[in-house]
PDB file of N, CA and C in Angstrom:
ATOM      1  N   MET A   1       2.973  -3.130  -7.267  1.00  0.00           N
ATOM      2  CA  MET A   1       4.065  -3.384  -6.367  1.00  0.00           C
ATOM      3  C   MET A   1       5.359  -3.311  -7.157  1.00  0.00           C
ATOM      4  N   GLU A   2       6.316  -2.648  -6.604  1.00  0.00           N
ATOM      5  CA  GLU A   2       7.592  -2.463  -7.299  1.00  0.00           C
ATOM      6  C   GLU A   2       8.531  -3.625  -7.010  1.00  0.00           C
ATOM      7  N   ASN A   3       9.199  -4.099  -8.039  1.00  0.00           N
ATOM      8  CA  ASN A   3      10.217  -5.136  -7.887  1.00  0.00           C
ATOM      9  C   ASN A   3      11.583  -4.485  -7.880  1.00  0.00           C
ATOM     10  N   LEU A   4      12.358  -4.743  -6.850  1.00  0.00           N
ATOM     11  CA  LEU A   4      13.701  -4.199  -6.770  1.00  0.00           C
ATOM     12  C   LEU A   4      14.686  -5.167  -7.421  1.00  0.00           C
ATOM     13  N   PRO A   5      15.713  -4.643  -8.068  1.00  0.00           N
ATOM     14  CA  PRO A   5      16.634  -5.512  -8.797  1.00  0.00           C
ATOM     15  C   PRO A   5      17.534  -6.349  -7.902  1.00  0.00           C
ATOM     16  N   GLN A   6      17.762  -5.900  -6.681  1.00  0.00           N
ATOM     17  CA  GLN A   6      18.675  -6.608  -5.792  1.00  0.00           C
ATOM     18  C   GLN A   6      17.895  -7.601  -4.930  1.00  0.00           C
ATOM     19  N   PRO A   7      18.296  -8.875  -4.910  1.00  0.00           N
ATOM     20  CA  PRO A   7      17.584  -9.848  -4.079  1.00  0.00           C
ATOM     21  C   PRO A   7      17.871  -9.643  -2.595  1.00  0.00           C
ATOM     22  N   ILE A   8      17.017 -10.210  -1.767  1.00  0.00           N
ATOM     23  CA  ILE A   8      17.246 -10.128  -0.330  1.00  0.00           C
ATOM     24  C   ILE A   8      18.408 -11.049   0.055  1.00  0.00           C
ATOM     25  N   THR A   9      18.933 -10.821   1.235  1.00  0.00           N
ATOM     26  CA  THR A   9      20.067 -11.640   1.676  1.00  0.00           C
ATOM     27  C   THR A   9      19.591 -13.064   1.959  1.00  0.00           C
ATOM     28  N   PRO A  10      20.479 -14.039   1.848  1.00  0.00           N
ATOM     29  CA  PRO A  10      20.103 -15.422   2.171  1.00  0.00           C
ATOM     30  C   PRO A  10      19.589 -15.571   3.603  1.00  0.00           C
ATOM     31  N   GLU A  11      20.154 -14.811   4.537  1.00  0.00           N
ATOM     32  CA  GLU A  11      19.706 -14.882   5.925  1.00  0.00           C
ATOM     33  C   GLU A  11      18.260 -14.410   6.065  1.00  0.00           C
ATOM     34  N   THR A  12      17.929 -13.320   5.377  1.00  0.00           N
ATOM     35  CA  THR A  12      16.558 -12.815   5.422  1.00  0.00           C
ATOM     36  C   THR A  12      15.607 -13.816   4.781  1.00  0.00           C
ATOM     37  N   GLU A  13      16.012 -14.380   3.655  1.00  0.00           N
ATOM     38  CA  GLU A  13      15.158 -15.356   2.985  1.00  0.00           C
ATOM     39  C   GLU A  13      14.933 -16.587   3.858  1.00  0.00           C
ATOM     40  N   ASP A  14      15.970 -17.060   4.529  1.00  0.00           N
ATOM     41  CA  ASP A  14      15.822 -18.206   5.435  1.00  0.00           C
ATOM     42  C   ASP A  14      14.836 -17.891   6.557  1.00  0.00           C
ATOM     43  N   ALA A  15      14.953 -16.689   7.122  1.00  0.00           N
ATOM     44  CA  ALA A  15      14.045 -16.288   8.199  1.00  0.00           C
ATOM     45  C   ALA A  15      12.600 -16.221   7.699  1.00  0.00           C
ATOM     46  N   LEU A  16      12.397 -15.720   6.487  1.00  0.00           N
ATOM     47  CA  LEU A  16      11.056 -15.654   5.913  1.00  0.00           C
ATOM     48  C   LEU A  16      10.494 -17.053   5.679  1.00  0.00           C
ATOM     49  N   GLN A  17      11.323 -17.954   5.196  1.00  0.00           N
ATOM     50  CA  GLN A  17      10.865 -19.318   4.944  1.00  0.00           C
ATOM     51  C   GLN A  17      10.521 -20.030   6.254  1.00  0.00           C
ATOM     52  N   GLN A  18      11.281 -19.805   7.306  1.00  0.00           N
ATOM     53  CA  GLN A  18      11.041 -20.463   8.593  1.00  0.00           C
ATOM     54  C   GLN A  18       9.779 -19.944   9.263  1.00  0.00           C
ATOM     55  N   ARG A  19       9.569 -18.639   9.215  1.00  0.00           N
ATOM     56  CA  ARG A  19       8.436 -18.037   9.913  1.00  0.00           C
ATOM     57  C   ARG A  19       7.176 -18.025   9.064  1.00  0.00           C
ATOM     58  N   GLY A  20       7.321 -17.942   7.762  1.00  0.00           N
ATOM     59  CA  GLY A  20       6.167 -17.934   6.871  1.00  0.00           C
ATOM     60  C   GLY A  20       5.465 -16.590   6.782  1.00  0.00           C
ATOM     61  N   GLY A  21       5.467 -15.819   7.830  1.00  0.00           N
ATOM     62  CA  GLY A  21       4.740 -14.562   7.837  1.00  0.00           C
ATOM     63  C   GLY A  21       5.634 -13.356   7.706  1.00  0.00           C
ATOM     64  N   PRO A  22       5.115 -12.198   8.021  1.00  0.00           N
ATOM     65  CA  PRO A  22       5.900 -10.966   7.914  1.00  0.00           C
ATOM     66  C   PRO A  22       7.113 -10.980   8.838  1.00  0.00           C
ATOM     67  N   LEU A  23       8.142 -10.290   8.399  1.00  0.00           N
ATOM     68  CA  LEU A  23       9.390 -10.185   9.151  1.00  0.00           C
ATOM     69  C   LEU A  23       9.735  -8.707   9.254  1.00  0.00           C
ATOM     70  N   GLN A  24       9.954  -8.228  10.471  1.00  0.00           N
ATOM     71  CA  GLN A  24      10.327  -6.826  10.679  1.00  0.00           C
ATOM     72  C   GLN A  24      11.832  -6.685  10.524  1.00  0.00           C
ATOM     73  N   ILE A  25      12.248  -5.705   9.719  1.00  0.00           N
ATOM     74  CA  ILE A  25      13.663  -5.455   9.470  1.00  0.00           C
ATOM     75  C   ILE A  25      13.947  -3.988   9.748  1.00  0.00           C
ATOM     76  N   ALA A  26      15.005  -3.733  10.507  1.00  0.00           N
ATOM     77  CA  ALA A  26      15.398  -2.354  10.789  1.00  0.00           C
ATOM     78  C   ALA A  26      16.271  -1.847   9.660  1.00  0.00           C
ATOM     79  N   GLY A  27      15.957  -0.658   9.177  1.00  0.00           N
ATOM     80  CA  GLY A  27      16.757  -0.022   8.138  1.00  0.00           C
ATOM     81  C   GLY A  27      17.358   1.267   8.665  1.00  0.00           C
ATOM     82  N   SER A  28      18.136   1.915   7.859  1.00  0.00           N
ATOM     83  CA  SER A  28      18.766   3.161   8.289  1.00  0.00           C
ATOM     84  C   SER A  28      17.764   4.312   8.392  1.00  0.00           C
ATOM     85  N   GLN A  29      16.592   4.156   7.743  1.00  0.00           N
ATOM     86  CA  GLN A  29      15.600   5.229   7.773  1.00  0.00           C
ATOM     87  C   GLN A  29      14.291   4.804   8.434  1.00  0.00           C
ATOM     88  N   GLY A  30      14.293   3.665   9.101  1.00  0.00           N
ATOM     89  CA  GLY A  30      13.085   3.215   9.782  1.00  0.00           C
ATOM     90  C   GLY A  30      12.989   1.711   9.801  1.00  0.00           C
ATOM     91  N   LYS A  31      11.835   1.229  10.269  1.00  0.00           N
ATOM     92  CA  LYS A  31      11.570  -0.199  10.313  1.00  0.00           C
ATOM     93  C   LYS A  31      10.696  -0.585   9.135  1.00  0.00           C
ATOM     94  N   TYR A  32      10.926  -1.791   8.610  1.00  0.00           N
ATOM     95  CA  TYR A  32      10.217  -2.261   7.429  1.00  0.00           C
ATOM     96  C   TYR A  32       9.671  -3.656   7.669  1.00  0.00           C
ATOM     97  N   VAL A  33       8.655  -4.012   6.918  1.00  0.00           N
ATOM     98  CA  VAL A  33       8.084  -5.351   6.979  1.00  0.00           C
ATOM     99  C   VAL A  33       8.299  -6.006   5.623  1.00  0.00           C
ATOM    100  N   VAL A  34       8.822  -7.225   5.659  1.00  0.00           N
ATOM    101  CA  VAL A  34       9.066  -8.004   4.449  1.00  0.00           C
ATOM    102  C   VAL A  34       8.342  -9.322   4.610  1.00  0.00           C
ATOM    103  N   MET A  35       7.730  -9.809   3.537  1.00  0.00           N
ATOM    104  CA  MET A  35       7.038 -11.097   3.605  1.00  0.00           C
ATOM    105  C   MET A  35       7.025 -11.759   2.242  1.00  0.00           C
ATOM    106  N   ARG A  36       6.764 -13.045   2.256  1.00  0.00           N
ATOM    107  CA  ARG A  36       6.630 -13.774   0.998  1.00  0.00           C
ATOM    108  C   ARG A  36       5.369 -13.302   0.282  1.00  0.00           C
ATOM    109  N   LEU A  37       5.386 -13.362  -1.030  1.00  0.00           N
ATOM    110  CA  LEU A  37       4.248 -12.893  -1.817  1.00  0.00           C
ATOM    111  C   LEU A  37       2.983 -13.680  -1.515  1.00  0.00           C
ATOM    112  N   ASP A  38       3.079 -14.987  -1.302  1.00  0.00           N
ATOM    113  CA  ASP A  38       1.880 -15.770  -1.007  1.00  0.00           C
ATOM    114  C   ASP A  38       1.251 -15.354   0.328  1.00  0.00           C
ATOM    115  N   VAL A  39       2.072 -14.964   1.298  1.00  0.00           N
ATOM    116  CA  VAL A  39       1.562 -14.479   2.577  1.00  0.00           C
ATOM    117  C   VAL A  39       0.887 -13.123   2.386  1.00  0.00           C
ATOM    118  N   TYR A  40       1.502 -12.261   1.606  1.00  0.00           N
ATOM    119  CA  TYR A  40       0.929 -10.944   1.300  1.00  0.00           C
ATOM    120  C   TYR A  40      -0.428 -11.094   0.610  1.00  0.00           C
ATOM    121  N   ASP A  41      -0.475 -11.962  -0.410  1.00  0.00           N
ATOM    122  CA  ASP A  41      -1.736 -12.197  -1.114  1.00  0.00           C
ATOM    123  C   ASP A  41      -2.816 -12.710  -0.169  1.00  0.00           C
ATOM    124  N   ALA A  42      -2.452 -13.626   0.725  1.00  0.00           N
ATOM    125  CA  ALA A  42      -3.421 -14.158   1.683  1.00  0.00           C
ATOM    126  C   ALA A  42      -3.927 -13.063   2.618  1.00  0.00           C
ATOM    127  N   MET A  43      -3.040 -12.164   3.030  1.00  0.00           N
ATOM    128  CA  MET A  43      -3.455 -11.067   3.908  1.00  0.00           C
ATOM    129  C   MET A  43      -4.442 -10.140   3.204  1.00  0.00           C
ATOM    130  N   LEU A  44      -4.271  -9.980   1.891  1.00  0.00           N
ATOM    131  CA  LEU A  44      -5.181  -9.130   1.117  1.00  0.00           C
ATOM    132  C   LEU A  44      -6.445  -9.872   0.707  1.00  0.00           C
ATOM    133  N   GLY A  45      -6.463 -11.167   0.932  1.00  0.00           N
ATOM    134  CA  GLY A  45      -7.621 -11.965   0.537  1.00  0.00           C
ATOM    135  C   GLY A  45      -7.611 -12.326  -0.927  1.00  0.00           C
ATOM    136  N   ILE A  46      -6.451 -12.306  -1.540  1.00  0.00           N
ATOM    137  CA  ILE A  46      -6.325 -12.646  -2.955  1.00  0.00           C
ATOM    138  C   ILE A  46      -6.051 -14.138  -3.061  1.00  0.00           C
ATOM    139  N   SER A  47      -6.937 -14.822  -3.777  1.00  0.00           N
ATOM    140  CA  SER A  47      -6.761 -16.265  -3.875  1.00  0.00           C
ATOM    141  C   SER A  47      -6.464 -16.737  -5.287  1.00  0.00           C
ATOM    142  N   ASN A  48      -6.550 -15.848  -6.265  1.00  0.00           N
ATOM    143  CA  ASN A  48      -6.237 -16.271  -7.630  1.00  0.00           C
ATOM    144  C   ASN A  48      -5.767 -15.086  -8.469  1.00  0.00           C
ATOM    145  N   ASP A  49      -5.330 -15.384  -9.670  1.00  0.00           N
ATOM    146  CA  ASP A  49      -4.791 -14.348 -10.554  1.00  0.00           C
ATOM    147  C   ASP A  49      -5.826 -13.288 -10.911  1.00  0.00           C
ATOM    148  N   GLU A  50      -7.082 -13.698 -11.071  1.00  0.00           N
ATOM    149  CA  GLU A  50      -8.123 -12.729 -11.445  1.00  0.00           C
ATOM    150  C   GLU A  50      -8.296 -11.673 -10.356  1.00  0.00           C
ATOM    151  N   GLU A  51      -8.312 -12.102  -9.102  1.00  0.00           N
ATOM    152  CA  GLU A  51      -8.429 -11.145  -8.006  1.00  0.00           C
ATOM    153  C   GLU A  51      -7.196 -10.252  -7.924  1.00  0.00           C
ATOM    154  N   ALA A  52      -6.031 -10.811  -8.171  1.00  0.00           N
ATOM    155  CA  ALA A  52      -4.799 -10.016  -8.158  1.00  0.00           C
ATOM    156  C   ALA A  52      -4.835  -8.969  -9.263  1.00  0.00           C
ATOM    157  N   GLN A  53      -5.338  -9.342 -10.430  1.00  0.00           N
ATOM    158  CA  GLN A  53      -5.439  -8.390 -11.539  1.00  0.00           C
ATOM    159  C   GLN A  53      -6.438  -7.293 -11.220  1.00  0.00           C
ATOM    160  N   THR A  54      -7.536  -7.648 -10.551  1.00  0.00           N
ATOM    161  CA  THR A  54      -8.524  -6.651 -10.157  1.00  0.00           C
ATOM    162  C   THR A  54      -7.920  -5.652  -9.182  1.00  0.00           C
ATOM    163  N   LEU A  55      -7.195  -6.150  -8.188  1.00  0.00           N
ATOM    164  CA  LEU A  55      -6.552  -5.265  -7.227  1.00  0.00           C
ATOM    165  C   LEU A  55      -5.537  -4.356  -7.913  1.00  0.00           C
ATOM    166  N   ALA A  56      -4.778  -4.897  -8.857  1.00  0.00           N
ATOM    167  CA  ALA A  56      -3.803  -4.085  -9.592  1.00  0.00           C
ATOM    168  C   ALA A  56      -4.519  -3.002 -10.397  1.00  0.00           C
ATOM    169  N   SER A  57      -5.667  -3.330 -10.982  1.00  0.00           N
ATOM    170  CA  SER A  57      -6.431  -2.342 -11.746  1.00  0.00           C
ATOM    171  C   SER A  57      -6.940  -1.219 -10.853  1.00  0.00           C
ATOM    172  N   VAL A  58      -7.409  -1.571  -9.678  1.00  0.00           N
ATOM    173  CA  VAL A  58      -7.880  -0.557  -8.735  1.00  0.00           C
ATOM    174  C   VAL A  58      -6.728   0.367  -8.344  1.00  0.00           C
ATOM    175  N   ARG A  59      -5.569  -0.221  -8.093  1.00  0.00           N
ATOM    176  CA  ARG A  59      -4.404   0.605  -7.729  1.00  0.00           C
ATOM    177  C   ARG A  59      -4.003   1.532  -8.869  1.00  0.00           C
ATOM    178  N   ARG A  60      -4.051   1.041 -10.115  1.00  0.00           N
ATOM    179  CA  ARG A  60      -3.734   1.903 -11.261  1.00  0.00           C
ATOM    180  C   ARG A  60      -4.749   3.036 -11.364  1.00  0.00           C
ATOM    181  N   GLY A  61      -6.009   2.730 -11.122  1.00  0.00           N
ATOM    182  CA  GLY A  61      -7.043   3.758 -11.166  1.00  0.00           C
ATOM    183  C   GLY A  61      -6.823   4.826 -10.108  1.00  0.00           C
ATOM    184  N   LEU A  62      -6.466   4.402  -8.910  1.00  0.00           N
ATOM    185  CA  LEU A  62      -6.189   5.367  -7.845  1.00  0.00           C
ATOM    186  C   LEU A  62      -4.966   6.214  -8.180  1.00  0.00           C
ATOM    187  N   ALA A  63      -3.980   5.604  -8.808  1.00  0.00           N
ATOM    188  CA  ALA A  63      -2.798   6.370  -9.231  1.00  0.00           C
ATOM    189  C   ALA A  63      -3.186   7.393 -10.287  1.00  0.00           C
ATOM    190  N   ASP A  64      -4.104   7.030 -11.192  1.00  0.00           N
ATOM    191  CA  ASP A  64      -4.590   7.978 -12.198  1.00  0.00           C
ATOM    192  C   ASP A  64      -5.278   9.165 -11.536  1.00  0.00           C
ATOM    193  N   VAL A  65      -6.084   8.887 -10.533  1.00  0.00           N
ATOM    194  CA  VAL A  65      -6.770   9.968  -9.808  1.00  0.00           C
ATOM    195  C   VAL A  65      -5.733  10.878  -9.159  1.00  0.00           C
ATOM    196  N   ASP A  66      -4.771  10.279  -8.470  1.00  0.00           N
ATOM    197  CA  ASP A  66      -3.733  11.072  -7.800  1.00  0.00           C
ATOM    198  C   ASP A  66      -2.933  11.921  -8.782  1.00  0.00           C
ATOM    199  N   ALA A  67      -2.734  11.413 -10.004  1.00  0.00           N
ATOM    200  CA  ALA A  67      -1.933  12.115 -11.005  1.00  0.00           C
ATOM    201  C   ALA A  67      -2.766  13.080 -11.853  1.00  0.00           C
ATOM    202  N   GLY A  68      -4.065  13.137 -11.590  1.00  0.00           N
ATOM    203  CA  GLY A  68      -4.913  14.056 -12.345  1.00  0.00           C
ATOM    204  C   GLY A  68      -5.257  13.566 -13.739  1.00  0.00           C
ATOM    205  N   ARG A  69      -5.180  12.262 -13.975  1.00  0.00           N
ATOM    206  CA  ARG A  69      -5.484  11.708 -15.302  1.00  0.00           C
ATOM    207  C   ARG A  69      -6.925  11.220 -15.373  1.00  0.00           C
ATOM    208  N   THR A  70      -7.842  12.034 -14.886  1.00  0.00           N
ATOM    209  CA  THR A  70      -9.255  11.662 -14.897  1.00  0.00           C
ATOM    210  C   THR A  70     -10.078  12.813 -15.461  1.00  0.00           C
ATOM    211  N   HIS A  71     -11.350  12.524 -15.728  1.00  0.00           N
ATOM    212  CA  HIS A  71     -12.280  13.535 -16.227  1.00  0.00           C
ATOM    213  C   HIS A  71     -13.483  13.579 -15.295  1.00  0.00           C
ATOM    214  N   ASP A  72     -14.099  14.717 -15.204  1.00  0.00           N
ATOM    215  CA  ASP A  72     -15.316  14.870 -14.425  1.00  0.00           C
ATOM    216  C   ASP A  72     -16.390  13.953 -15.002  1.00  0.00           C
ATOM    217  N   ALA A  73     -17.078  13.206 -14.153  1.00  0.00           N
ATOM    218  CA  ALA A  73     -18.073  12.236 -14.610  1.00  0.00           C
ATOM    219  C   ALA A  73     -19.197  12.915 -15.402  1.00  0.00           C
ATOM    220  N   GLN A  74     -19.698  14.040 -14.904  1.00  0.00           N
ATOM    221  CA  GLN A  74     -20.798  14.703 -15.606  1.00  0.00           C
ATOM    222  C   GLN A  74     -20.361  15.167 -16.986  1.00  0.00           C
ATOM    223  N   ASP A  75     -19.139  15.685 -17.103  1.00  0.00           N
ATOM    224  CA  ASP A  75     -18.617  16.083 -18.416  1.00  0.00           C
ATOM    225  C   ASP A  75     -18.528  14.888 -19.347  1.00  0.00           C
ATOM    226  N   ALA A  76     -18.102  13.759 -18.836  1.00  0.00           N
ATOM    227  CA  ALA A  76     -17.990  12.552 -19.659  1.00  0.00           C
ATOM    228  C   ALA A  76     -19.367  12.097 -20.134  1.00  0.00           C
ATOM    229  N   PHE A  77     -20.362  12.095 -19.228  1.00  0.00           N
ATOM    230  CA  PHE A  77     -21.720  11.691 -19.624  1.00  0.00           C
ATOM    231  C   PHE A  77     -22.318  12.668 -20.625  1.00  0.00           C
ATOM    232  N   ASP A  78     -22.094  13.966 -20.425  1.00  0.00           N
ATOM    233  CA  ASP A  78     -22.584  14.965 -21.374  1.00  0.00           C
ATOM    234  C   ASP A  78     -21.960  14.756 -22.751  1.00  0.00           C
ATOM    235  N   ASN A  79     -20.674  14.449 -22.782  1.00  0.00           N
ATOM    236  CA  ASN A  79     -19.970  14.188 -24.039  1.00  0.00           C
ATOM    237  C   ASN A  79     -20.560  12.972 -24.746  1.00  0.00           C
ATOM    238  N   ILE A  80     -20.800  11.910 -24.003  1.00  0.00           N
ATOM    239  CA  ILE A  80     -21.381  10.692 -24.593  1.00  0.00           C
ATOM    240  C   ILE A  80     -22.773  10.983 -25.121  1.00  0.00           C
ATOM    241  N   GLN A  81     -23.569  11.688 -24.342  1.00  0.00           N
ATOM    242  CA  GLN A  81     -24.942  11.995 -24.764  1.00  0.00           C
ATOM    243  C   GLN A  81     -24.946  12.842 -26.029  1.00  0.00           C
ATOM    244  N   SER A  82     -24.050  13.830 -26.112  1.00  0.00           N
ATOM    245  CA  SER A  82     -24.026  14.685 -27.301  1.00  0.00           C
ATOM    246  C   SER A  82     -23.552  13.901 -28.528  1.00  0.00           C
ATOM    247  N   ARG A  83     -22.701  12.935 -28.346  1.00  0.00           N
ATOM    248  CA  ARG A  83     -22.228  12.132 -29.474  1.00  0.00           C
ATOM    249  C   ARG A  83     -23.275  11.179 -30.007  1.00  0.00           C
ATOM    250  N   TYR A  84     -24.039  10.575 -29.111  1.00  0.00           N
ATOM    251  CA  TYR A  84     -24.924   9.487 -29.514  1.00  0.00           C
ATOM    252  C   TYR A  84     -26.397   9.802 -29.425  1.00  0.00           C
ATOM    253  N   ALA A  85     -26.740  11.045 -29.096  1.00  0.00           N
ATOM    254  CA  ALA A  85     -28.152  11.432 -29.057  1.00  0.00           C
ATOM    255  C   ALA A  85     -28.698  11.479 -30.470  1.00  0.00           C
ATOM    256  N   SER A  86     -29.916  11.015 -30.616  1.00  0.00           N
ATOM    257  CA  SER A  86     -30.511  11.054 -31.966  1.00  0.00           C
ATOM    258  C   SER A  86     -31.560  12.095 -32.103  1.00  0.00           C
TER     259      SER A  86
END
């Protein structure tokens, strides 16, 4: 998840604190949903740091796949077998 350098407006933050859940905001290029991180984590079913780290790892892995930073599984197994075969 990307962190933006500019904080949200006090009015938006007050609305988020009062409602607790997601808040729809209209932007110049569409509608957006903003929510507190604890609400987001609850929606994803994340209850602790370990689960959050696991989800972040999965997202990094998917980004690697999208960016082509992966190897064919069979090639990898063949490489391992050729290195360690006796």
